[in-house]
């Protein structure tokens, strides 16, 4: 068996999960009136730490009347 597959498969899975988290943060930020692009970049650079920061500081969704 090729030994590079032992680290390649988990790396690809982690990359896909990171992209999905970043897209979710982007959409959530935009829906709350924040800069989605800024938070997308922050989460892509910092990873799970950026997600935790977003979850702590995000505002409540504005009420649509």
PDB file of N, CA and C in Angstrom:
ATOM      1  N   UNK A   1       0.851  -1.193   0.000  1.00  0.00           N
ATOM      2  CA  UNK A   1       0.000   0.000   0.000  1.00  0.00           C
ATOM      3  C   UNK A   1       0.891   1.248   0.000  1.00  0.00           C
ATOM      4  N   UNK A   2       0.396   2.252  -0.652  1.00  0.00           N
ATOM      5  CA  UNK A   2       1.139   3.498  -0.732  1.00  0.00           C
ATOM      6  C   UNK A   2       0.988   4.270   0.585  1.00  0.00           C
ATOM      7  N   UNK A   3       2.132   4.603   1.179  1.00  0.00           N
ATOM      8  CA  UNK A   3       2.096   5.273   2.478  1.00  0.00           C
ATOM      9  C   UNK A   3       1.607   6.712   2.398  1.00  0.00           C
ATOM     10  N   UNK A   4       1.728   7.335   1.226  1.00  0.00           N
ATOM     11  CA  UNK A   4       1.247   8.717   1.122  1.00  0.00           C
ATOM     12  C   UNK A   4      -0.266   8.792   1.245  1.00  0.00           C
ATOM     13  N   UNK A   5      -0.962   7.704   0.966  1.00  0.00           N
ATOM     14  CA  UNK A   5      -2.420   7.703   1.118  1.00  0.00           C
ATOM     15  C   UNK A   5      -2.835   7.775   2.587  1.00  0.00           C
ATOM     16  N   UNK A   6      -1.952   7.343   3.478  1.00  0.00           N
ATOM     17  CA  UNK A   6      -2.280   7.374   4.903  1.00  0.00           C
ATOM     18  C   UNK A   6      -2.447   8.794   5.420  1.00  0.00           C
ATOM     19  N   UNK A   7      -1.769   9.759   4.836  1.00  0.00           N
ATOM     20  CA  UNK A   7      -1.952  11.150   5.254  1.00  0.00           C
ATOM     21  C   UNK A   7      -2.742  11.946   4.236  1.00  0.00           C
ATOM     22  N   UNK A   8      -2.813  11.475   2.988  1.00  0.00           N
ATOM     23  CA  UNK A   8      -3.518  12.224   1.954  1.00  0.00           C
ATOM     24  C   UNK A   8      -5.033  12.193   2.157  1.00  0.00           C
ATOM     25  N   UNK A   9      -5.573  11.026   2.462  1.00  0.00           N
ATOM     26  CA  UNK A   9      -7.024  10.904   2.634  1.00  0.00           C
ATOM     27  C   UNK A   9      -7.528  11.755   3.804  1.00  0.00           C
ATOM     28  N   UNK A  10      -6.926  11.666   4.989  1.00  0.00           N
ATOM     29  CA  UNK A  10      -7.399  12.552   6.071  1.00  0.00           C
ATOM     30  C   UNK A  10      -7.206  14.033   5.758  1.00  0.00           C
ATOM     31  N   UNK A  11      -6.134  14.372   5.043  1.00  0.00           N
ATOM     32  CA  UNK A  11      -5.903  15.776   4.691  1.00  0.00           C
ATOM     33  C   UNK A  11      -6.990  16.285   3.756  1.00  0.00           C
ATOM     34  N   UNK A  12      -7.396  15.477   2.793  1.00  0.00           N
ATOM     35  CA  UNK A  12      -8.459  15.873   1.860  1.00  0.00           C
ATOM     36  C   UNK A  12      -9.790  15.998   2.599  1.00  0.00           C
ATOM     37  N   UNK A  13     -10.062  15.056   3.492  1.00  0.00           N
ATOM     38  CA  UNK A  13     -11.305  15.122   4.273  1.00  0.00           C
ATOM     39  C   UNK A  13     -11.321  16.380   5.137  1.00  0.00           C
ATOM     40  N   UNK A  14     -10.202  16.684   5.808  1.00  0.00           N
ATOM     41  CA  UNK A  14     -10.121  17.891   6.641  1.00  0.00           C
ATOM     42  C   UNK A  14     -10.299  19.142   5.796  1.00  0.00           C
ATOM     43  N   UNK A  15      -9.710  19.170   4.592  1.00  0.00           N
ATOM     44  CA  UNK A  15      -9.839  20.313   3.692  1.00  0.00           C
ATOM     45  C   UNK A  15     -11.304  20.527   3.299  1.00  0.00           C
ATOM     46  N   UNK A  16     -12.009  19.461   2.976  1.00  0.00           N
ATOM     47  CA  UNK A  16     -13.427  19.568   2.600  1.00  0.00           C
ATOM     48  C   UNK A  16     -14.252  20.080   3.778  1.00  0.00           C
ATOM     49  N   UNK A  17     -13.989  19.567   4.978  1.00  0.00           N
ATOM     50  CA  UNK A  17     -14.707  20.030   6.166  1.00  0.00           C
ATOM     51  C   UNK A  17     -14.425  21.509   6.425  1.00  0.00           C
ATOM     52  N   UNK A  18     -13.176  21.935   6.272  1.00  0.00           N
ATOM     53  CA  UNK A  18     -12.814  23.342   6.486  1.00  0.00           C
ATOM     54  C   UNK A  18     -13.543  24.249   5.501  1.00  0.00           C
ATOM     55  N   UNK A  19     -13.640  23.837   4.241  1.00  0.00           N
ATOM     56  CA  UNK A  19     -14.356  24.633   3.237  1.00  0.00           C
ATOM     57  C   UNK A  19     -15.838  24.722   3.583  1.00  0.00           C
ATOM     58  N   UNK A  20     -16.437  23.609   3.980  1.00  0.00           N
ATOM     59  CA  UNK A  20     -17.860  23.619   4.342  1.00  0.00           C
ATOM     60  C   UNK A  20     -18.123  24.521   5.552  1.00  0.00           C
ATOM     61  N   UNK A  21     -17.255  24.488   6.538  1.00  0.00           N
ATOM     62  CA  UNK A  21     -17.399  25.362   7.714  1.00  0.00           C
ATOM     63  C   UNK A  21     -17.275  26.826   7.297  1.00  0.00           C
ATOM     64  N   UNK A  22     -16.299  27.131   6.444  1.00  0.00           N
ATOM     65  CA  UNK A  22     -16.092  28.510   5.996  1.00  0.00           C
ATOM     66  C   UNK A  22     -17.308  29.019   5.224  1.00  0.00           C
ATOM     67  N   UNK A  23     -17.884  28.184   4.375  1.00  0.00           N
ATOM     68  CA  UNK A  23     -19.078  28.586   3.615  1.00  0.00           C
ATOM     69  C   UNK A  23     -20.253  28.813   4.558  1.00  0.00           C
ATOM     70  N   UNK A  24     -20.407  27.961   5.568  1.00  0.00           N
ATOM     71  CA  UNK A  24     -21.489  28.155   6.531  1.00  0.00           C
ATOM     72  C   UNK A  24     -21.314  29.472   7.284  1.00  0.00           C
ATOM     73  N   UNK A  25     -20.079  29.761   7.717  1.00  0.00           N
ATOM     74  CA  UNK A  25     -19.824  31.015   8.435  1.00  0.00           C
ATOM     75  C   UNK A  25     -20.115  32.202   7.526  1.00  0.00           C
ATOM     76  N   UNK A  26     -19.727  32.117   6.255  1.00  0.00           N
ATOM     77  CA  UNK A  26     -20.010  33.194   5.298  1.00  0.00           C
ATOM     78  C   UNK A  26     -21.514  33.452   5.210  1.00  0.00           C
ATOM     79  N   UNK A  27     -22.283  32.398   5.009  1.00  0.00           N
ATOM     80  CA  UNK A  27     -23.738  32.559   4.885  1.00  0.00           C
ATOM     81  C   UNK A  27     -24.364  33.073   6.171  1.00  0.00           C
ATOM     82  N   UNK A  28     -23.892  32.562   7.307  1.00  0.00           N
ATOM     83  CA  UNK A  28     -24.433  33.000   8.590  1.00  0.00           C
ATOM     84  C   UNK A  28     -24.101  34.469   8.844  1.00  0.00           C
ATOM     85  N   UNK A  29     -22.876  34.867   8.529  1.00  0.00           N
ATOM     86  CA  UNK A  29     -22.482  36.270   8.716  1.00  0.00           C
ATOM     87  C   UNK A  29     -23.317  37.192   7.826  1.00  0.00           C
ATOM     88  N   UNK A  30     -23.489  36.817   6.574  1.00  0.00           N
ATOM     89  CA  UNK A  30     -24.297  37.641   5.660  1.00  0.00           C
ATOM     90  C   UNK A  30     -25.738  37.755   6.151  1.00  0.00           C
ATOM     91  N   UNK A  31     -26.296  36.674   6.676  1.00  0.00           N
ATOM     92  CA  UNK A  31     -27.689  36.715   7.142  1.00  0.00           C
ATOM     93  C   UNK A  31     -27.843  37.562   8.396  1.00  0.00           C
ATOM     94  N   UNK A  32     -26.750  37.792   9.105  1.00  0.00           N
ATOM     95  CA  UNK A  32     -26.791  38.607  10.321  1.00  0.00           C
ATOM     96  C   UNK A  32     -26.306  40.032  10.087  1.00  0.00           C
ATOM     97  N   UNK A  33     -26.083  40.404   8.845  1.00  0.00           N
ATOM     98  CA  UNK A  33     -25.684  41.773   8.530  1.00  0.00           C
ATOM     99  C   UNK A  33     -24.205  42.044   8.726  1.00  0.00           C
ATOM    100  N   UNK A  34     -23.385  41.021   8.825  1.00  0.00           N
ATOM    101  CA  UNK A  34     -21.941  41.166   8.975  1.00  0.00           C
ATOM    102  C   UNK A  34     -21.267  40.956   7.621  1.00  0.00           C
ATOM    103  N   UNK A  35     -19.974  41.217   7.566  1.00  0.00           N
ATOM    104  CA  UNK A  35     -19.210  41.008   6.344  1.00  0.00           C
ATOM    105  C   UNK A  35     -18.885  39.523   6.192  1.00  0.00           C
ATOM    106  N   UNK A  36     -19.574  38.868   5.275  1.00  0.00           N
ATOM    107  CA  UNK A  36     -19.359  37.443   5.061  1.00  0.00           C
ATOM    108  C   UNK A  36     -17.978  37.133   4.513  1.00  0.00           C
ATOM    109  N   UNK A  37     -17.488  37.989   3.619  1.00  0.00           N
ATOM    110  CA  UNK A  37     -16.171  37.751   3.021  1.00  0.00           C
ATOM    111  C   UNK A  37     -15.073  37.838   4.080  1.00  0.00           C
ATOM    112  N   UNK A  38     -15.169  38.815   4.949  1.00  0.00           N
ATOM    113  CA  UNK A  38     -14.181  38.958   6.024  1.00  0.00           C
ATOM    114  C   UNK A  38     -14.148  37.708   6.892  1.00  0.00           C
ATOM    115  N   UNK A  39     -15.309  37.238   7.307  1.00  0.00           N
ATOM    116  CA  UNK A  39     -15.361  36.060   8.169  1.00  0.00           C
ATOM    117  C   UNK A  39     -14.968  34.799   7.420  1.00  0.00           C
ATOM    118  N   UNK A  40     -15.259  34.731   6.146  1.00  0.00           N
ATOM    119  CA  UNK A  40     -14.808  33.593   5.339  1.00  0.00           C
ATOM    120  C   UNK A  40     -13.285  33.516   5.350  1.00  0.00           C
ATOM    121  N   UNK A  41     -12.633  34.640   5.137  1.00  0.00           N
ATOM    122  CA  UNK A  41     -11.168  34.683   5.123  1.00  0.00           C
ATOM    123  C   UNK A  41     -10.606  34.345   6.506  1.00  0.00           C
ATOM    124  N   UNK A  42     -11.211  34.903   7.548  1.00  0.00           N
ATOM    125  CA  UNK A  42     -10.736  34.632   8.909  1.00  0.00           C
ATOM    126  C   UNK A  42     -10.813  33.144   9.220  1.00  0.00           C
ATOM    127  N   UNK A  43     -11.932  32.525   8.873  1.00  0.00           N
ATOM    128  CA  UNK A  43     -12.099  31.101   9.176  1.00  0.00           C
ATOM    129  C   UNK A  43     -11.174  30.246   8.319  1.00  0.00           C
ATOM    130  N   UNK A  44     -10.953  30.623   7.065  1.00  0.00           N
ATOM    131  CA  UNK A  44     -10.032  29.858   6.231  1.00  0.00           C
ATOM    132  C   UNK A  44      -8.604  29.941   6.751  1.00  0.00           C
ATOM    133  N   UNK A  45      -8.221  31.089   7.287  1.00  0.00           N
ATOM    134  CA  UNK A  45      -6.852  31.260   7.781  1.00  0.00           C
ATOM    135  C   UNK A  45      -6.668  30.609   9.152  1.00  0.00           C
ATOM    136  N   UNK A  46      -7.630  30.813  10.054  1.00  0.00           N
ATOM    137  CA  UNK A  46      -7.446  30.360  11.436  1.00  0.00           C
ATOM    138  C   UNK A  46      -8.083  29.014  11.734  1.00  0.00           C
ATOM    139  N   UNK A  47      -8.955  28.544  10.859  1.00  0.00           N
ATOM    140  CA  UNK A  47      -9.576  27.234  11.056  1.00  0.00           C
ATOM    141  C   UNK A  47     -10.606  27.242  12.164  1.00  0.00           C
ATOM    142  N   UNK A  48     -10.527  26.215  12.994  1.00  0.00           N
ATOM    143  CA  UNK A  48     -11.526  26.020  14.041  1.00  0.00           C
ATOM    144  C   UNK A  48     -11.530  27.163  15.054  1.00  0.00           C
ATOM    145  N   UNK A  49     -10.396  27.818  15.238  1.00  0.00           N
ATOM    146  CA  UNK A  49     -10.332  28.962  16.158  1.00  0.00           C
ATOM    147  C   UNK A  49     -11.198  30.101  15.632  1.00  0.00           C
ATOM    148  N   UNK A  50     -11.162  30.354  14.321  1.00  0.00           N
ATOM    149  CA  UNK A  50     -12.014  31.378  13.721  1.00  0.00           C
ATOM    150  C   UNK A  50     -13.484  31.048  13.872  1.00  0.00           C
ATOM    151  N   UNK A  51     -13.829  29.773  13.733  1.00  0.00           N
ATOM    152  CA  UNK A  51     -15.221  29.353  13.922  1.00  0.00           C
ATOM    153  C   UNK A  51     -15.660  29.615  15.354  1.00  0.00           C
ATOM    154  N   UNK A  52     -14.833  29.276  16.317  1.00  0.00           N
ATOM    155  CA  UNK A  52     -15.177  29.497  17.726  1.00  0.00           C
ATOM    156  C   UNK A  52     -15.355  30.991  18.001  1.00  0.00           C
ATOM    157  N   UNK A  53     -14.458  31.808  17.459  1.00  0.00           N
ATOM    158  CA  UNK A  53     -14.578  33.259  17.642  1.00  0.00           C
ATOM    159  C   UNK A  53     -15.888  33.755  17.041  1.00  0.00           C
ATOM    160  N   UNK A  54     -16.222  33.282  15.843  1.00  0.00           N
ATOM    161  CA  UNK A  54     -17.482  33.701  15.206  1.00  0.00           C
ATOM    162  C   UNK A  54     -18.679  33.308  16.067  1.00  0.00           C
ATOM    163  N   UNK A  55     -18.682  32.096  16.589  1.00  0.00           N
ATOM    164  CA  UNK A  55     -19.809  31.638  17.392  1.00  0.00           C
ATOM    165  C   UNK A  55     -19.952  32.449  18.679  1.00  0.00           C
ATOM    166  N   UNK A  56     -18.854  32.968  19.196  1.00  0.00           N
ATOM    167  CA  UNK A  56     -18.898  33.761  20.433  1.00  0.00           C
ATOM    168  C   UNK A  56     -19.395  35.179  20.163  1.00  0.00           C
ATOM    169  N   UNK A  57     -18.933  35.807  19.072  1.00  0.00           N
ATOM    170  CA  UNK A  57     -19.229  37.235  18.905  1.00  0.00           C
ATOM    171  C   UNK A  57     -20.382  37.548  17.964  1.00  0.00           C
ATOM    172  N   UNK A  58     -20.955  36.551  17.321  1.00  0.00           N
ATOM    173  CA  UNK A  58     -22.020  36.859  16.364  1.00  0.00           C
ATOM    174  C   UNK A  58     -23.247  37.436  17.067  1.00  0.00           C
ATOM    175  N   UNK A  59     -23.931  38.302  16.340  1.00  0.00           N
ATOM    176  CA  UNK A  59     -25.128  38.956  16.867  1.00  0.00           C
ATOM    177  C   UNK A  59     -26.351  38.072  16.607  1.00  0.00           C
ATOM    178  N   UNK A  60     -27.446  38.418  17.296  1.00  0.00           N
ATOM    179  CA  UNK A  60     -28.699  37.747  17.001  1.00  0.00           C
ATOM    180  C   UNK A  60     -29.162  38.146  15.613  1.00  0.00           C
ATOM    181  N   UNK A  61     -29.898  37.262  14.973  1.00  0.00           N
ATOM    182  CA  UNK A  61     -30.436  37.595  13.657  1.00  0.00           C
ATOM    183  C   UNK A  61     -31.444  38.728  13.802  1.00  0.00           C
ATOM    184  N   UNK A  62     -31.404  39.668  12.849  1.00  0.00           N
ATOM    185  CA  UNK A  62     -32.422  40.734  12.897  1.00  0.00           C
ATOM    186  C   UNK A  62     -33.808  40.158  12.627  1.00  0.00           C
ATOM    187  N   UNK A  63     -34.773  40.711  13.319  1.00  0.00           N
ATOM    188  CA  UNK A  63     -36.150  40.244  13.157  1.00  0.00           C
ATOM    189  C   UNK A  63     -36.731  40.866  11.901  1.00  0.00           C
ATOM    190  N   UNK A  64     -37.211  40.022  11.002  1.00  0.00           N
ATOM    191  CA  UNK A  64     -37.817  40.519   9.756  1.00  0.00           C
ATOM    192  C   UNK A  64     -39.302  40.693  10.004  1.00  0.00           C
ATOM    193  N   UNK A  65     -39.799  41.920   9.768  1.00  0.00           N
ATOM    194  CA  UNK A  65     -41.222  42.177  10.020  1.00  0.00           C
ATOM    195  C   UNK A  65     -42.014  42.250   8.760  1.00  0.00           C
TER     196      UNK A  65
END
